[in-house]
């Protein structure tokens, strides 16, 4: 799911993960709303034969809020919507959220409460997607755990040059608060041992490699 200028991330996802998934649902433009997202997850988890559903989400974000095409939505409200729209069985098919939203870490708890087993999000303003997203999706698609995939992404720009460039831009434009908030380091909450091959309904921490 993408909004704004995040179409590049969608292309990367297609390139790195096209063969790993049986089907996909793409929401963009006017379709990239919270309601449509919940409907899509409800439909995917209700499809016969589907055991796991992952979400790659690329909207803009602020602390504890996701900016969908139609309106901003508080992350806890999104969790409540998922709890209402999906049955317990459906929620057990939700596996991993990989988010490129700014302040994505502040949304992780809501994704987990909505049913996902694991969620990945940045600590602050997300600025290193050009280098980190390919590393993260490649590792995930090649069978690494979501925690390892996030670690690979965090190591993609070891000197944090992309963050430094973003912070310098904000300082030049008189936006000191934004400059201080640039922090692309990803944090994994929930079941960091999840693999792209894991059935979330039968997951056991001791059964998976790191």
C-alpha atoms as a PDB file:
ATOM      1  CA  UNK A   1       0.000   0.000   0.000  1.00  0.00           C
ATOM      2  CA  UNK A   2       1.459   3.360  -0.944  1.00  0.00           C
ATOM      3  CA  UNK A   3       0.667   7.038  -1.022  1.00  0.00           C
ATOM      4  CA  UNK A   4       2.434  10.178  -2.150  1.00  0.00           C
ATOM      5  CA  UNK A   5       5.914   9.631  -3.601  1.00  0.00           C
ATOM      6  CA  UNK A   6       6.365   6.060  -2.397  1.00  0.00           C
ATOM      7  CA  UNK A   7       5.850   4.380  -5.763  1.00  0.00           C
ATOM      8  CA  UNK A   8       9.554   3.493  -5.897  1.00  0.00           C
ATOM      9  CA  UNK A   9       9.132   1.297  -2.824  1.00  0.00           C
ATOM     10  CA  UNK A  10       6.273  -0.507  -4.565  1.00  0.00           C
ATOM     11  CA  UNK A  11       8.493  -1.196  -7.579  1.00  0.00           C
ATOM     12  CA  UNK A  12      11.210  -2.548  -5.286  1.00  0.00           C
ATOM     13  CA  UNK A  13       8.710  -4.804  -3.550  1.00  0.00           C
ATOM     14  CA  UNK A  14       7.548  -6.179  -6.870  1.00  0.00           C
ATOM     15  CA  UNK A  15      11.117  -6.746  -8.005  1.00  0.00           C
ATOM     16  CA  UNK A  16      12.343  -8.497  -4.865  1.00  0.00           C
ATOM     17  CA  UNK A  17       9.217 -10.346  -3.758  1.00  0.00           C
ATOM     18  CA  UNK A  18       7.215 -11.085  -6.896  1.00  0.00           C
ATOM     19  CA  UNK A  19       7.986 -14.825  -6.837  1.00  0.00           C
ATOM     20  CA  UNK A  20       7.529 -15.292  -3.098  1.00  0.00           C
ATOM     21  CA  UNK A  21       3.805 -14.501  -2.935  1.00  0.00           C
ATOM     22  CA  UNK A  22       0.902 -16.258  -4.586  1.00  0.00           C
ATOM     23  CA  UNK A  23      -1.023 -13.024  -5.019  1.00  0.00           C
ATOM     24  CA  UNK A  24      -0.937  -9.389  -3.996  1.00  0.00           C
ATOM     25  CA  UNK A  25      -3.329  -6.504  -3.467  1.00  0.00           C
ATOM     26  CA  UNK A  26      -2.026  -3.049  -4.377  1.00  0.00           C
ATOM     27  CA  UNK A  27      -3.641   0.089  -2.987  1.00  0.00           C
ATOM     28  CA  UNK A  28      -2.423   3.421  -4.323  1.00  0.00           C
ATOM     29  CA  UNK A  29      -3.715   6.856  -5.191  1.00  0.00           C
ATOM     30  CA  UNK A  30      -7.344   7.314  -4.204  1.00  0.00           C
ATOM     31  CA  UNK A  31      -7.517   3.664  -3.099  1.00  0.00           C
ATOM     32  CA  UNK A  32      -4.864   4.178  -0.413  1.00  0.00           C
ATOM     33  CA  UNK A  33      -7.319   4.811   2.414  1.00  0.00           C
ATOM     34  CA  UNK A  34      -7.568   3.243   5.858  1.00  0.00           C
ATOM     35  CA  UNK A  35     -10.984   1.786   5.049  1.00  0.00           C
ATOM     36  CA  UNK A  36      -9.744   0.178   1.844  1.00  0.00           C
ATOM     37  CA  UNK A  37      -6.714  -1.194   3.653  1.00  0.00           C
ATOM     38  CA  UNK A  38      -8.856  -2.854   6.305  1.00  0.00           C
ATOM     39  CA  UNK A  39     -11.154  -4.246   3.609  1.00  0.00           C
ATOM     40  CA  UNK A  40      -8.184  -5.613   1.665  1.00  0.00           C
ATOM     41  CA  UNK A  41      -6.753  -7.332   4.740  1.00  0.00           C
ATOM     42  CA  UNK A  42     -10.173  -8.768   5.574  1.00  0.00           C
ATOM     43  CA  UNK A  43     -10.512 -10.101   2.026  1.00  0.00           C
ATOM     44  CA  UNK A  44      -6.989 -11.544   1.914  1.00  0.00           C
ATOM     45  CA  UNK A  45      -7.258 -13.324   5.255  1.00  0.00           C
ATOM     46  CA  UNK A  46     -10.654 -14.769   4.296  1.00  0.00           C
ATOM     47  CA  UNK A  47      -9.396 -16.248   1.011  1.00  0.00           C
ATOM     48  CA  UNK A  48      -9.420 -20.075   1.073  1.00  0.00           C
ATOM     49  CA  UNK A  49      -5.949 -21.547   1.255  1.00  0.00           C
ATOM     50  CA  UNK A  50      -4.275 -18.373   2.513  1.00  0.00           C
ATOM     51  CA  UNK A  51      -2.203 -19.034   5.638  1.00  0.00           C
ATOM     52  CA  UNK A  52      -0.183 -15.819   5.922  1.00  0.00           C
ATOM     53  CA  UNK A  53      -0.651 -12.200   4.873  1.00  0.00           C
ATOM     54  CA  UNK A  54       2.134  -9.614   4.965  1.00  0.00           C
ATOM     55  CA  UNK A  55       1.733  -5.861   4.584  1.00  0.00           C
ATOM     56  CA  UNK A  56       4.239  -3.484   2.997  1.00  0.00           C
ATOM     57  CA  UNK A  57       2.970  -0.023   3.854  1.00  0.00           C
ATOM     58  CA  UNK A  58       4.389   3.200   2.420  1.00  0.00           C
ATOM     59  CA  UNK A  59       2.322   6.209   3.536  1.00  0.00           C
ATOM     60  CA  UNK A  60       3.596   9.362   5.142  1.00  0.00           C
ATOM     61  CA  UNK A  61       3.429   9.290   8.922  1.00  0.00           C
ATOM     62  CA  UNK A  62       3.714  11.329  12.079  1.00  0.00           C
ATOM     63  CA  UNK A  63       3.982  10.151  15.654  1.00  0.00           C
ATOM     64  CA  UNK A  64       1.217   7.572  16.221  1.00  0.00           C
ATOM     65  CA  UNK A  65      -0.591   8.691  13.062  1.00  0.00           C
ATOM     66  CA  UNK A  66      -0.665   7.437   9.457  1.00  0.00           C
ATOM     67  CA  UNK A  67      -1.487   9.860   6.637  1.00  0.00           C
ATOM     68  CA  UNK A  68      -3.751   8.051   4.203  1.00  0.00           C
ATOM     69  CA  UNK A  69      -4.928   9.561   0.926  1.00  0.00           C
ATOM     70  CA  UNK A  70      -8.258  10.697   2.314  1.00  0.00           C
ATOM     71  CA  UNK A  71      -7.332  11.622   5.899  1.00  0.00           C
ATOM     72  CA  UNK A  72      -4.894  11.101   8.743  1.00  0.00           C
ATOM     73  CA  UNK A  73      -5.746   8.152  10.996  1.00  0.00           C
ATOM     74  CA  UNK A  74      -4.560   7.587  14.553  1.00  0.00           C
ATOM     75  CA  UNK A  75      -2.763   4.252  14.759  1.00  0.00           C
ATOM     76  CA  UNK A  76      -4.894   2.970  17.679  1.00  0.00           C
ATOM     77  CA  UNK A  77      -8.035   3.571  15.604  1.00  0.00           C
ATOM     78  CA  UNK A  78      -6.581   1.446  12.845  1.00  0.00           C
ATOM     79  CA  UNK A  79      -5.948  -1.345  15.353  1.00  0.00           C
ATOM     80  CA  UNK A  80      -9.559  -1.134  16.520  1.00  0.00           C
ATOM     81  CA  UNK A  81     -10.799  -1.263  12.920  1.00  0.00           C
ATOM     82  CA  UNK A  82      -8.801  -4.424  12.251  1.00  0.00           C
ATOM     83  CA  UNK A  83     -10.072  -6.044  15.443  1.00  0.00           C
ATOM     84  CA  UNK A  84     -13.658  -5.273  14.387  1.00  0.00           C
ATOM     85  CA  UNK A  85     -13.382  -6.306  10.737  1.00  0.00           C
ATOM     86  CA  UNK A  86     -11.395  -9.538  11.101  1.00  0.00           C
ATOM     87  CA  UNK A  87     -12.312 -12.639  13.048  1.00  0.00           C
ATOM     88  CA  UNK A  88      -9.762 -14.143  15.476  1.00  0.00           C
ATOM     89  CA  UNK A  89      -8.953 -16.811  12.881  1.00  0.00           C
ATOM     90  CA  UNK A  90      -8.347 -14.164  10.233  1.00  0.00           C
ATOM     91  CA  UNK A  91      -6.123 -12.121  12.538  1.00  0.00           C
ATOM     92  CA  UNK A  92      -3.944 -15.181  13.145  1.00  0.00           C
ATOM     93  CA  UNK A  93      -3.120 -15.114   9.429  1.00  0.00           C
ATOM     94  CA  UNK A  94      -1.611 -11.619   9.667  1.00  0.00           C
ATOM     95  CA  UNK A  95       2.148 -12.055   9.787  1.00  0.00           C
ATOM     96  CA  UNK A  96       4.470  -9.053   9.256  1.00  0.00           C
ATOM     97  CA  UNK A  97       4.131  -5.322   8.574  1.00  0.00           C
ATOM     98  CA  UNK A  98       7.126  -3.619   6.963  1.00  0.00           C
ATOM     99  CA  UNK A  99       6.576   0.144   7.024  1.00  0.00           C
ATOM    100  CA  UNK A 100       8.518   2.997   5.456  1.00  0.00           C
ATOM    101  CA  UNK A 101       6.368   5.640   7.150  1.00  0.00           C
ATOM    102  CA  UNK A 102       8.109   8.295   9.189  1.00  0.00           C
ATOM    103  CA  UNK A 103       7.816   7.490  12.910  1.00  0.00           C
ATOM    104  CA  UNK A 104       6.800   3.946  11.957  1.00  0.00           C
ATOM    105  CA  UNK A 105       7.994   2.577  15.299  1.00  0.00           C
ATOM    106  CA  UNK A 106       5.220   4.568  16.982  1.00  0.00           C
ATOM    107  CA  UNK A 107       2.698   2.616  14.870  1.00  0.00           C
ATOM    108  CA  UNK A 108       4.134  -0.828  15.634  1.00  0.00           C
ATOM    109  CA  UNK A 109       2.047  -1.432  18.740  1.00  0.00           C
ATOM    110  CA  UNK A 110      -1.166  -0.719  16.830  1.00  0.00           C
ATOM    111  CA  UNK A 111      -0.229  -3.183  14.081  1.00  0.00           C
ATOM    112  CA  UNK A 112       0.408  -5.840  16.733  1.00  0.00           C
ATOM    113  CA  UNK A 113      -2.872  -5.128  18.494  1.00  0.00           C
ATOM    114  CA  UNK A 114      -4.610  -5.347  15.132  1.00  0.00           C
ATOM    115  CA  UNK A 115      -3.344  -8.912  14.772  1.00  0.00           C
ATOM    116  CA  UNK A 116       0.049  -8.845  13.064  1.00  0.00           C
ATOM    117  CA  UNK A 117       2.738 -11.027  14.604  1.00  0.00           C
ATOM    118  CA  UNK A 118       5.559  -8.546  13.920  1.00  0.00           C
ATOM    119  CA  UNK A 119       5.966  -4.954  12.795  1.00  0.00           C
ATOM    120  CA  UNK A 120       8.937  -2.938  11.535  1.00  0.00           C
ATOM    121  CA  UNK A 121       9.085   0.855  11.697  1.00  0.00           C
ATOM    122  CA  UNK A 122      11.572   3.721  11.869  1.00  0.00           C
ATOM    123  CA  UNK A 123      12.311   5.575  15.094  1.00  0.00           C
ATOM    124  CA  UNK A 124      11.860   9.022  13.537  1.00  0.00           C
ATOM    125  CA  UNK A 125      11.732  10.740  10.162  1.00  0.00           C
ATOM    126  CA  UNK A 126      12.583   8.094   7.560  1.00  0.00           C
ATOM    127  CA  UNK A 127      15.247   9.282   5.108  1.00  0.00           C
ATOM    128  CA  UNK A 128      17.375   6.331   3.967  1.00  0.00           C
ATOM    129  CA  UNK A 129      14.874   4.329   1.943  1.00  0.00           C
ATOM    130  CA  UNK A 130      17.004   4.499  -1.202  1.00  0.00           C
ATOM    131  CA  UNK A 131      19.656   2.308   0.408  1.00  0.00           C
ATOM    132  CA  UNK A 132      17.771   0.447   3.119  1.00  0.00           C
ATOM    133  CA  UNK A 133      14.590  -0.764   1.431  1.00  0.00           C
ATOM    134  CA  UNK A 134      16.338  -2.935  -1.196  1.00  0.00           C
ATOM    135  CA  UNK A 135      18.477  -4.574   1.513  1.00  0.00           C
ATOM    136  CA  UNK A 136      15.487  -5.236   3.749  1.00  0.00           C
ATOM    137  CA  UNK A 137      13.258  -6.706   1.043  1.00  0.00           C
ATOM    138  CA  UNK A 138      16.079  -8.779  -0.423  1.00  0.00           C
ATOM    139  CA  UNK A 139      16.866 -10.337   2.961  1.00  0.00           C
ATOM    140  CA  UNK A 140      13.193 -10.984   3.725  1.00  0.00           C
ATOM    141  CA  UNK A 141      12.591 -12.509   0.300  1.00  0.00           C
ATOM    142  CA  UNK A 142      15.641 -14.758   0.652  1.00  0.00           C
ATOM    143  CA  UNK A 143      14.320 -16.357   3.822  1.00  0.00           C
ATOM    144  CA  UNK A 144      15.937 -14.275   6.550  1.00  0.00           C
ATOM    145  CA  UNK A 145      13.948 -13.439   9.667  1.00  0.00           C
ATOM    146  CA  UNK A 146      12.233 -10.066   9.812  1.00  0.00           C
ATOM    147  CA  UNK A 147      14.676  -9.061  12.563  1.00  0.00           C
ATOM    148  CA  UNK A 148      17.656  -9.935  10.377  1.00  0.00           C
ATOM    149  CA  UNK A 149      16.079  -8.119   7.433  1.00  0.00           C
ATOM    150  CA  UNK A 150      15.713  -4.988   9.559  1.00  0.00           C
ATOM    151  CA  UNK A 151      19.311  -5.332  10.750  1.00  0.00           C
ATOM    152  CA  UNK A 152      20.476  -5.561   7.133  1.00  0.00           C
ATOM    153  CA  UNK A 153      18.511  -2.403   6.339  1.00  0.00           C
ATOM    154  CA  UNK A 154      20.000  -0.577   9.324  1.00  0.00           C
ATOM    155  CA  UNK A 155      23.497  -1.534   8.161  1.00  0.00           C
ATOM    156  CA  UNK A 156      22.933  -0.369   4.575  1.00  0.00           C
ATOM    157  CA  UNK A 157      24.111   3.184   5.352  1.00  0.00           C
ATOM    158  CA  UNK A 158      26.521   2.674   8.271  1.00  0.00           C
ATOM    159  CA  UNK A 159      27.549   6.327   8.442  1.00  0.00           C
ATOM    160  CA  UNK A 160      23.921   7.493   8.206  1.00  0.00           C
ATOM    161  CA  UNK A 161      24.721   9.799   5.313  1.00  0.00           C
ATOM    162  CA  UNK A 162      21.144   9.862   4.047  1.00  0.00           C
ATOM    163  CA  UNK A 163      19.901  10.917   7.467  1.00  0.00           C
ATOM    164  CA  UNK A 164      22.613  13.584   7.639  1.00  0.00           C
ATOM    165  CA  UNK A 165      21.586  14.987   4.259  1.00  0.00           C
ATOM    166  CA  UNK A 166      17.949  15.116   5.310  1.00  0.00           C
ATOM    167  CA  UNK A 167      18.791  16.800   8.602  1.00  0.00           C
ATOM    168  CA  UNK A 168      20.977  19.365   6.775  1.00  0.00           C
ATOM    169  CA  UNK A 169      18.105  20.153   4.428  1.00  0.00           C
ATOM    170  CA  UNK A 170      15.741  20.762   7.326  1.00  0.00           C
ATOM    171  CA  UNK A 171      18.282  23.013   9.042  1.00  0.00           C
ATOM    172  CA  UNK A 172      18.809  25.052   5.860  1.00  0.00           C
ATOM    173  CA  UNK A 173      15.073  25.600   5.609  1.00  0.00           C
ATOM    174  CA  UNK A 174      14.726  26.671   9.234  1.00  0.00           C
ATOM    175  CA  UNK A 175      13.048  23.471  10.442  1.00  0.00           C
ATOM    176  CA  UNK A 176      15.231  22.593  13.408  1.00  0.00           C
ATOM    177  CA  UNK A 177      12.643  20.306  15.037  1.00  0.00           C
ATOM    178  CA  UNK A 178      12.451  18.138  11.925  1.00  0.00           C
ATOM    179  CA  UNK A 179      16.249  18.095  11.649  1.00  0.00           C
ATOM    180  CA  UNK A 180      16.511  16.727  15.170  1.00  0.00           C
ATOM    181  CA  UNK A 181      13.838  14.108  14.446  1.00  0.00           C
ATOM    182  CA  UNK A 182      15.537  12.449  11.455  1.00  0.00           C
ATOM    183  CA  UNK A 183      16.230   8.851  12.479  1.00  0.00           C
ATOM    184  CA  UNK A 184      15.770   6.048   9.961  1.00  0.00           C
ATOM    185  CA  UNK A 185      16.856   3.223  12.264  1.00  0.00           C
ATOM    186  CA  UNK A 186      14.223   0.500  12.090  1.00  0.00           C
ATOM    187  CA  UNK A 187      12.872  -1.233  15.187  1.00  0.00           C
ATOM    188  CA  UNK A 188      11.161  -4.634  15.153  1.00  0.00           C
ATOM    189  CA  UNK A 189       8.376  -5.290  17.645  1.00  0.00           C
ATOM    190  CA  UNK A 190       6.658  -8.631  18.110  1.00  0.00           C
ATOM    191  CA  UNK A 191       7.862 -11.934  16.678  1.00  0.00           C
ATOM    192  CA  UNK A 192      11.202 -10.949  15.163  1.00  0.00           C
ATOM    193  CA  UNK A 193      11.935 -14.575  14.246  1.00  0.00           C
ATOM    194  CA  UNK A 194       9.194 -14.685  11.609  1.00  0.00           C
ATOM    195  CA  UNK A 195      10.287 -15.898   8.175  1.00  0.00           C
ATOM    196  CA  UNK A 196       8.597 -15.439   4.822  1.00  0.00           C
ATOM    197  CA  UNK A 197       7.821 -19.176   5.006  1.00  0.00           C
ATOM    198  CA  UNK A 198       6.343 -19.088   8.525  1.00  0.00           C
ATOM    199  CA  UNK A 199       2.706 -19.924   9.168  1.00  0.00           C
ATOM    200  CA  UNK A 200       1.872 -17.340  11.868  1.00  0.00           C
ATOM    201  CA  UNK A 201      -0.944 -19.470  13.274  1.00  0.00           C
ATOM    202  CA  UNK A 202       1.500 -22.235  14.218  1.00  0.00           C
ATOM    203  CA  UNK A 203       4.564 -20.104  15.028  1.00  0.00           C
ATOM    204  CA  UNK A 204       6.728 -21.143  17.934  1.00  0.00           C
ATOM    205  CA  UNK A 205       9.746 -18.964  18.882  1.00  0.00           C
ATOM    206  CA  UNK A 206      11.999 -21.973  19.451  1.00  0.00           C
ATOM    207  CA  UNK A 207      11.319 -23.399  15.997  1.00  0.00           C
ATOM    208  CA  UNK A 208      12.845 -20.602  13.941  1.00  0.00           C
ATOM    209  CA  UNK A 209      16.405 -19.522  13.254  1.00  0.00           C
ATOM    210  CA  UNK A 210      17.416 -15.885  13.701  1.00  0.00           C
END
